[in-house]
N, C-alpha and C. Protein backbone atom coordinates (compact mmCIF):
# COMPACT_ATOMS: atom_id res chain seq x y z
N MET A 1 8.66 -44.92 -5.71
CA MET A 1 8.07 -44.78 -7.03
C MET A 1 7.72 -46.17 -7.52
N ASN A 2 6.48 -46.32 -7.98
CA ASN A 2 6.10 -47.64 -8.45
C ASN A 2 6.61 -47.86 -9.86
N GLU A 3 6.46 -49.10 -10.33
CA GLU A 3 7.02 -49.48 -11.63
C GLU A 3 6.40 -48.69 -12.77
N GLU A 4 5.07 -48.45 -12.69
CA GLU A 4 4.40 -47.73 -13.77
C GLU A 4 4.87 -46.28 -13.83
N THR A 5 5.00 -45.63 -12.67
CA THR A 5 5.45 -44.25 -12.64
C THR A 5 6.90 -44.16 -13.11
N GLY A 6 7.74 -45.11 -12.69
CA GLY A 6 9.13 -45.13 -13.13
C GLY A 6 9.21 -45.33 -14.63
N GLY A 7 8.37 -46.20 -15.18
CA GLY A 7 8.34 -46.41 -16.62
C GLY A 7 7.88 -45.16 -17.34
N THR A 8 6.91 -44.46 -16.77
CA THR A 8 6.42 -43.23 -17.37
C THR A 8 7.51 -42.17 -17.39
N ALA A 9 8.24 -42.06 -16.28
CA ALA A 9 9.33 -41.09 -16.22
C ALA A 9 10.41 -41.42 -17.23
N ALA A 10 10.71 -42.70 -17.38
CA ALA A 10 11.72 -43.11 -18.35
C ALA A 10 11.27 -42.82 -19.77
N ARG A 11 10.00 -43.09 -20.06
CA ARG A 11 9.47 -42.79 -21.40
C ARG A 11 9.47 -41.29 -21.66
N ALA A 12 9.13 -40.51 -20.65
CA ALA A 12 9.13 -39.05 -20.81
C ALA A 12 10.54 -38.54 -21.07
N ALA A 13 11.52 -39.07 -20.34
CA ALA A 13 12.92 -38.66 -20.55
C ALA A 13 13.39 -39.07 -21.94
N GLU A 14 13.00 -40.26 -22.38
CA GLU A 14 13.38 -40.73 -23.71
C GLU A 14 12.75 -39.84 -24.79
N LEU A 15 11.50 -39.49 -24.60
CA LEU A 15 10.82 -38.64 -25.57
C LEU A 15 11.43 -37.24 -25.58
N ARG A 16 11.78 -36.73 -24.41
CA ARG A 16 12.42 -35.42 -24.35
C ARG A 16 13.75 -35.44 -25.11
N GLY A 17 14.51 -36.52 -24.98
CA GLY A 17 15.77 -36.66 -25.72
C GLY A 17 15.54 -36.73 -27.22
N ALA A 18 14.50 -37.46 -27.63
CA ALA A 18 14.18 -37.57 -29.05
C ALA A 18 13.79 -36.20 -29.61
N VAL A 19 13.04 -35.44 -28.86
CA VAL A 19 12.65 -34.09 -29.31
C VAL A 19 13.89 -33.21 -29.45
N ALA A 20 14.79 -33.29 -28.49
CA ALA A 20 16.01 -32.48 -28.56
C ALA A 20 16.86 -32.87 -29.77
N ARG A 21 16.95 -34.19 -30.05
CA ARG A 21 17.72 -34.64 -31.21
C ARG A 21 17.06 -34.18 -32.51
N ALA A 22 15.74 -34.24 -32.56
CA ALA A 22 15.02 -33.80 -33.76
C ALA A 22 15.20 -32.30 -33.98
N GLU A 23 15.17 -31.53 -32.90
CA GLU A 23 15.38 -30.09 -33.04
C GLU A 23 16.80 -29.80 -33.53
N ALA A 24 17.78 -30.54 -33.00
CA ALA A 24 19.16 -30.36 -33.46
C ALA A 24 19.28 -30.71 -34.93
N LEU A 25 18.64 -31.79 -35.35
CA LEU A 25 18.66 -32.19 -36.75
C LEU A 25 18.00 -31.13 -37.62
N LEU A 26 16.91 -30.61 -37.17
CA LEU A 26 16.22 -29.57 -37.93
C LEU A 26 17.11 -28.34 -38.09
N GLY A 27 17.87 -28.04 -37.07
CA GLY A 27 18.77 -26.88 -37.14
C GLY A 27 19.92 -27.08 -38.11
N THR A 28 20.27 -28.33 -38.41
CA THR A 28 21.38 -28.58 -39.33
C THR A 28 20.97 -28.56 -40.79
N LEU A 29 19.66 -28.63 -41.06
CA LEU A 29 19.21 -28.62 -42.45
C LEU A 29 19.44 -27.24 -43.05
N PRO A 30 20.09 -27.19 -44.20
CA PRO A 30 20.35 -25.87 -44.82
C PRO A 30 19.06 -25.28 -45.39
N ASP A 31 19.00 -23.98 -45.40
CA ASP A 31 17.85 -23.28 -45.96
C ASP A 31 18.19 -22.88 -47.39
N THR A 32 17.97 -23.81 -48.33
CA THR A 32 18.36 -23.60 -49.72
C THR A 32 17.22 -23.07 -50.58
N GLY A 33 16.02 -23.02 -50.06
CA GLY A 33 14.88 -22.58 -50.85
C GLY A 33 14.25 -23.72 -51.64
N ASP A 34 14.79 -24.91 -51.52
CA ASP A 34 14.26 -26.09 -52.21
C ASP A 34 12.89 -26.45 -51.61
N ALA A 35 11.91 -26.67 -52.47
CA ALA A 35 10.54 -26.97 -52.01
C ALA A 35 10.48 -28.29 -51.25
N ASP A 36 11.21 -29.30 -51.72
CA ASP A 36 11.21 -30.60 -51.03
C ASP A 36 11.82 -30.48 -49.65
N LEU A 37 12.90 -29.73 -49.56
CA LEU A 37 13.55 -29.53 -48.26
C LEU A 37 12.66 -28.71 -47.33
N GLY A 38 11.93 -27.75 -47.90
CA GLY A 38 10.99 -26.96 -47.10
C GLY A 38 9.87 -27.83 -46.56
N ALA A 39 9.38 -28.75 -47.38
CA ALA A 39 8.33 -29.67 -46.93
C ALA A 39 8.85 -30.59 -45.84
N LEU A 40 10.10 -31.03 -45.99
CA LEU A 40 10.71 -31.88 -44.96
C LEU A 40 10.85 -31.12 -43.65
N ARG A 41 11.27 -29.88 -43.73
CA ARG A 41 11.38 -29.05 -42.52
C ARG A 41 10.03 -28.94 -41.81
N GLU A 42 8.98 -28.71 -42.59
CA GLU A 42 7.64 -28.57 -42.01
C GLU A 42 7.19 -29.86 -41.36
N ARG A 43 7.46 -31.01 -42.00
CA ARG A 43 7.08 -32.30 -41.42
C ARG A 43 7.84 -32.56 -40.13
N ILE A 44 9.12 -32.22 -40.11
CA ILE A 44 9.92 -32.42 -38.90
C ILE A 44 9.41 -31.51 -37.79
N ALA A 45 9.12 -30.26 -38.12
CA ALA A 45 8.61 -29.32 -37.12
C ALA A 45 7.27 -29.80 -36.56
N ALA A 46 6.42 -30.34 -37.44
CA ALA A 46 5.13 -30.87 -36.98
C ALA A 46 5.32 -32.07 -36.07
N SER A 47 6.28 -32.92 -36.40
CA SER A 47 6.58 -34.09 -35.55
C SER A 47 7.10 -33.65 -34.19
N ILE A 48 7.91 -32.64 -34.18
CA ILE A 48 8.45 -32.13 -32.91
C ILE A 48 7.31 -31.59 -32.05
N GLU A 49 6.42 -30.84 -32.64
CA GLU A 49 5.28 -30.30 -31.88
C GLU A 49 4.39 -31.42 -31.36
N SER A 50 4.18 -32.45 -32.17
CA SER A 50 3.38 -33.59 -31.74
C SER A 50 4.05 -34.30 -30.56
N ALA A 51 5.36 -34.46 -30.65
CA ALA A 51 6.09 -35.10 -29.55
C ALA A 51 6.02 -34.27 -28.28
N ARG A 52 6.12 -32.96 -28.43
CA ARG A 52 6.00 -32.08 -27.25
C ARG A 52 4.63 -32.21 -26.61
N ALA A 53 3.60 -32.26 -27.43
CA ALA A 53 2.24 -32.40 -26.91
C ALA A 53 2.08 -33.73 -26.18
N ARG A 54 2.63 -34.79 -26.74
CA ARG A 54 2.56 -36.10 -26.09
C ARG A 54 3.33 -36.09 -24.78
N LEU A 55 4.49 -35.46 -24.78
CA LEU A 55 5.29 -35.36 -23.56
C LEU A 55 4.53 -34.60 -22.47
N ASP A 56 3.88 -33.51 -22.84
CA ASP A 56 3.07 -32.76 -21.87
C ASP A 56 1.96 -33.64 -21.30
N SER A 57 1.35 -34.45 -22.16
CA SER A 57 0.28 -35.35 -21.72
C SER A 57 0.81 -36.40 -20.76
N ILE A 58 1.96 -36.98 -21.08
CA ILE A 58 2.56 -38.00 -20.21
C ILE A 58 2.90 -37.40 -18.86
N GLU A 59 3.50 -36.22 -18.88
CA GLU A 59 3.87 -35.57 -17.62
C GLU A 59 2.64 -35.22 -16.79
N ALA A 60 1.58 -34.77 -17.43
CA ALA A 60 0.35 -34.42 -16.71
C ALA A 60 -0.25 -35.67 -16.07
N ARG A 61 -0.26 -36.80 -16.81
CA ARG A 61 -0.79 -38.05 -16.24
C ARG A 61 0.06 -38.51 -15.07
N ALA A 62 1.38 -38.39 -15.19
CA ALA A 62 2.27 -38.80 -14.10
C ALA A 62 2.04 -37.93 -12.86
N ARG A 63 1.90 -36.63 -13.07
CA ARG A 63 1.62 -35.74 -11.93
C ARG A 63 0.30 -36.10 -11.27
N GLY A 64 -0.71 -36.36 -12.09
CA GLY A 64 -2.03 -36.74 -11.55
C GLY A 64 -1.96 -38.03 -10.77
N ALA A 65 -1.24 -39.02 -11.28
CA ALA A 65 -1.10 -40.30 -10.58
C ALA A 65 -0.35 -40.11 -9.26
N HIS A 66 0.67 -39.27 -9.28
CA HIS A 66 1.44 -39.00 -8.07
C HIS A 66 0.56 -38.32 -7.02
N GLU A 67 -0.21 -37.33 -7.44
CA GLU A 67 -1.07 -36.62 -6.50
C GLU A 67 -2.15 -37.53 -5.94
N THR A 68 -2.70 -38.40 -6.78
CA THR A 68 -3.72 -39.35 -6.33
C THR A 68 -3.14 -40.32 -5.30
N ALA A 69 -1.96 -40.85 -5.58
CA ALA A 69 -1.33 -41.80 -4.67
C ALA A 69 -0.96 -41.12 -3.35
N THR A 70 -0.47 -39.90 -3.43
CA THR A 70 -0.10 -39.17 -2.22
C THR A 70 -1.33 -38.91 -1.35
N ALA A 71 -2.41 -38.48 -1.98
CA ALA A 71 -3.64 -38.20 -1.23
C ALA A 71 -4.19 -39.48 -0.60
N ALA A 72 -4.15 -40.59 -1.34
CA ALA A 72 -4.65 -41.86 -0.81
C ALA A 72 -3.80 -42.31 0.38
N PHE A 73 -2.48 -42.17 0.27
CA PHE A 73 -1.62 -42.54 1.38
C PHE A 73 -1.86 -41.66 2.60
N GLU A 74 -2.03 -40.38 2.38
CA GLU A 74 -2.31 -39.48 3.50
C GLU A 74 -3.61 -39.85 4.20
N ARG A 75 -4.66 -40.12 3.41
CA ARG A 75 -5.94 -40.51 4.02
C ARG A 75 -5.78 -41.80 4.82
N TRP A 76 -5.09 -42.78 4.24
CA TRP A 76 -4.93 -44.06 4.93
C TRP A 76 -4.10 -43.90 6.20
N SER A 77 -3.00 -43.14 6.12
CA SER A 77 -2.14 -42.99 7.30
C SER A 77 -2.83 -42.19 8.40
N ARG A 78 -3.69 -41.25 8.04
CA ARG A 78 -4.44 -40.51 9.07
C ARG A 78 -5.51 -41.41 9.71
N ALA A 79 -6.08 -42.31 8.91
CA ALA A 79 -7.09 -43.22 9.45
C ALA A 79 -6.46 -44.36 10.25
N ASN A 80 -5.22 -44.71 9.95
CA ASN A 80 -4.53 -45.83 10.60
C ASN A 80 -3.13 -45.42 11.05
N PRO A 81 -3.03 -44.48 12.00
CA PRO A 81 -1.71 -43.97 12.37
C PRO A 81 -0.80 -45.04 12.97
N TRP A 82 -1.35 -45.93 13.79
CA TRP A 82 -0.51 -46.94 14.41
C TRP A 82 -0.02 -47.96 13.39
N ALA A 83 -0.86 -48.30 12.45
CA ALA A 83 -0.44 -49.23 11.39
C ALA A 83 0.65 -48.58 10.54
N ALA A 84 0.49 -47.31 10.21
CA ALA A 84 1.50 -46.60 9.41
C ALA A 84 2.82 -46.55 10.17
N LEU A 85 2.76 -46.28 11.47
CA LEU A 85 3.96 -46.24 12.29
C LEU A 85 4.62 -47.61 12.34
N ALA A 86 3.83 -48.66 12.51
CA ALA A 86 4.38 -50.02 12.57
C ALA A 86 5.03 -50.42 11.24
N ILE A 87 4.39 -50.07 10.14
CA ILE A 87 4.96 -50.40 8.83
C ILE A 87 6.26 -49.64 8.62
N GLY A 88 6.28 -48.37 8.95
CA GLY A 88 7.50 -47.58 8.83
C GLY A 88 8.63 -48.13 9.69
N ALA A 89 8.30 -48.51 10.92
CA ALA A 89 9.30 -49.08 11.82
C ALA A 89 9.80 -50.42 11.27
N GLY A 90 8.90 -51.23 10.74
CA GLY A 90 9.29 -52.52 10.17
C GLY A 90 10.22 -52.36 8.99
N ILE A 91 9.92 -51.41 8.12
CA ILE A 91 10.79 -51.16 6.97
C ILE A 91 12.14 -50.66 7.44
N GLY A 92 12.15 -49.77 8.41
CA GLY A 92 13.41 -49.27 8.95
C GLY A 92 14.24 -50.38 9.57
N LEU A 93 13.59 -51.26 10.32
CA LEU A 93 14.30 -52.39 10.93
C LEU A 93 14.87 -53.32 9.88
N ALA A 94 14.07 -53.62 8.85
CA ALA A 94 14.54 -54.50 7.78
C ALA A 94 15.75 -53.90 7.06
N LEU A 95 15.70 -52.61 6.79
CA LEU A 95 16.83 -51.95 6.14
C LEU A 95 18.07 -51.95 7.04
N ALA A 96 17.87 -51.70 8.32
CA ALA A 96 18.99 -51.70 9.26
C ALA A 96 19.63 -53.09 9.34
N LEU A 97 18.80 -54.13 9.43
CA LEU A 97 19.34 -55.50 9.49
C LEU A 97 20.07 -55.86 8.21
N ALA A 98 19.53 -55.46 7.07
CA ALA A 98 20.20 -55.75 5.80
C ALA A 98 21.53 -55.03 5.73
N PHE A 99 21.57 -53.79 6.17
CA PHE A 99 22.80 -53.02 6.15
C PHE A 99 23.83 -53.61 7.10
N LEU A 100 23.40 -53.93 8.32
CA LEU A 100 24.32 -54.51 9.30
C LEU A 100 24.80 -55.89 8.87
N GLY A 101 23.92 -56.68 8.27
CA GLY A 101 24.31 -58.01 7.80
C GLY A 101 25.34 -57.93 6.69
N ARG A 102 25.22 -56.95 5.85
CA ARG A 102 26.17 -56.79 4.77
C ARG A 102 27.50 -56.28 5.27
N ARG A 103 27.49 -55.44 6.28
CA ARG A 103 28.72 -54.89 6.83
C ARG A 103 29.48 -55.90 7.67
N SER A 104 28.77 -56.86 8.28
CA SER A 104 29.45 -57.82 9.16
C SER A 104 30.09 -58.97 8.39
N ARG A 105 29.74 -59.13 7.12
CA ARG A 105 30.31 -60.19 6.30
C ARG A 105 31.72 -59.81 5.88
N PRO A 106 32.71 -60.71 6.04
CA PRO A 106 34.07 -60.42 5.59
C PRO A 106 34.09 -60.24 4.06
N ARG A 107 35.03 -59.44 3.59
CA ARG A 107 35.14 -59.21 2.16
C ARG A 107 35.55 -60.49 1.44
N GLY A 108 34.95 -60.70 0.27
CA GLY A 108 35.29 -61.85 -0.53
C GLY A 108 34.57 -63.11 -0.17
N VAL A 109 33.72 -63.06 0.87
CA VAL A 109 32.96 -64.24 1.28
C VAL A 109 31.56 -64.12 0.72
N ASP A 110 31.18 -65.07 -0.12
CA ASP A 110 29.87 -65.05 -0.74
C ASP A 110 28.93 -66.09 -0.16
N GLY A 111 29.35 -66.83 0.81
CA GLY A 111 28.56 -67.92 1.37
C GLY A 111 27.30 -67.45 2.05
N PRO A 112 26.48 -68.41 2.53
CA PRO A 112 25.20 -68.09 3.17
C PRO A 112 25.33 -67.39 4.47
């Protein structure tokens, strides 16, 4: 996941939490028949709906970006199968060396 997609997911999760908190707050407001309180309820409900619409938009953009990136990678890997294989093998080797290097170091030793 790239940084932009990760940021989008984090913003979407944050917005979803804000919507849930706003809905909980709206549920705690007493229904006293007061006109000012009724207007406040309506404004909160409108804000919640606006946030939901924005969240749907963010999620749709994230899905679109994901699908675009996936399709581009598929096209590239089909056009360059040996390069894709070499890159995958290189990443696997780098991860294996990093893992083995970390495991071979004695505990408590931070040196080079």
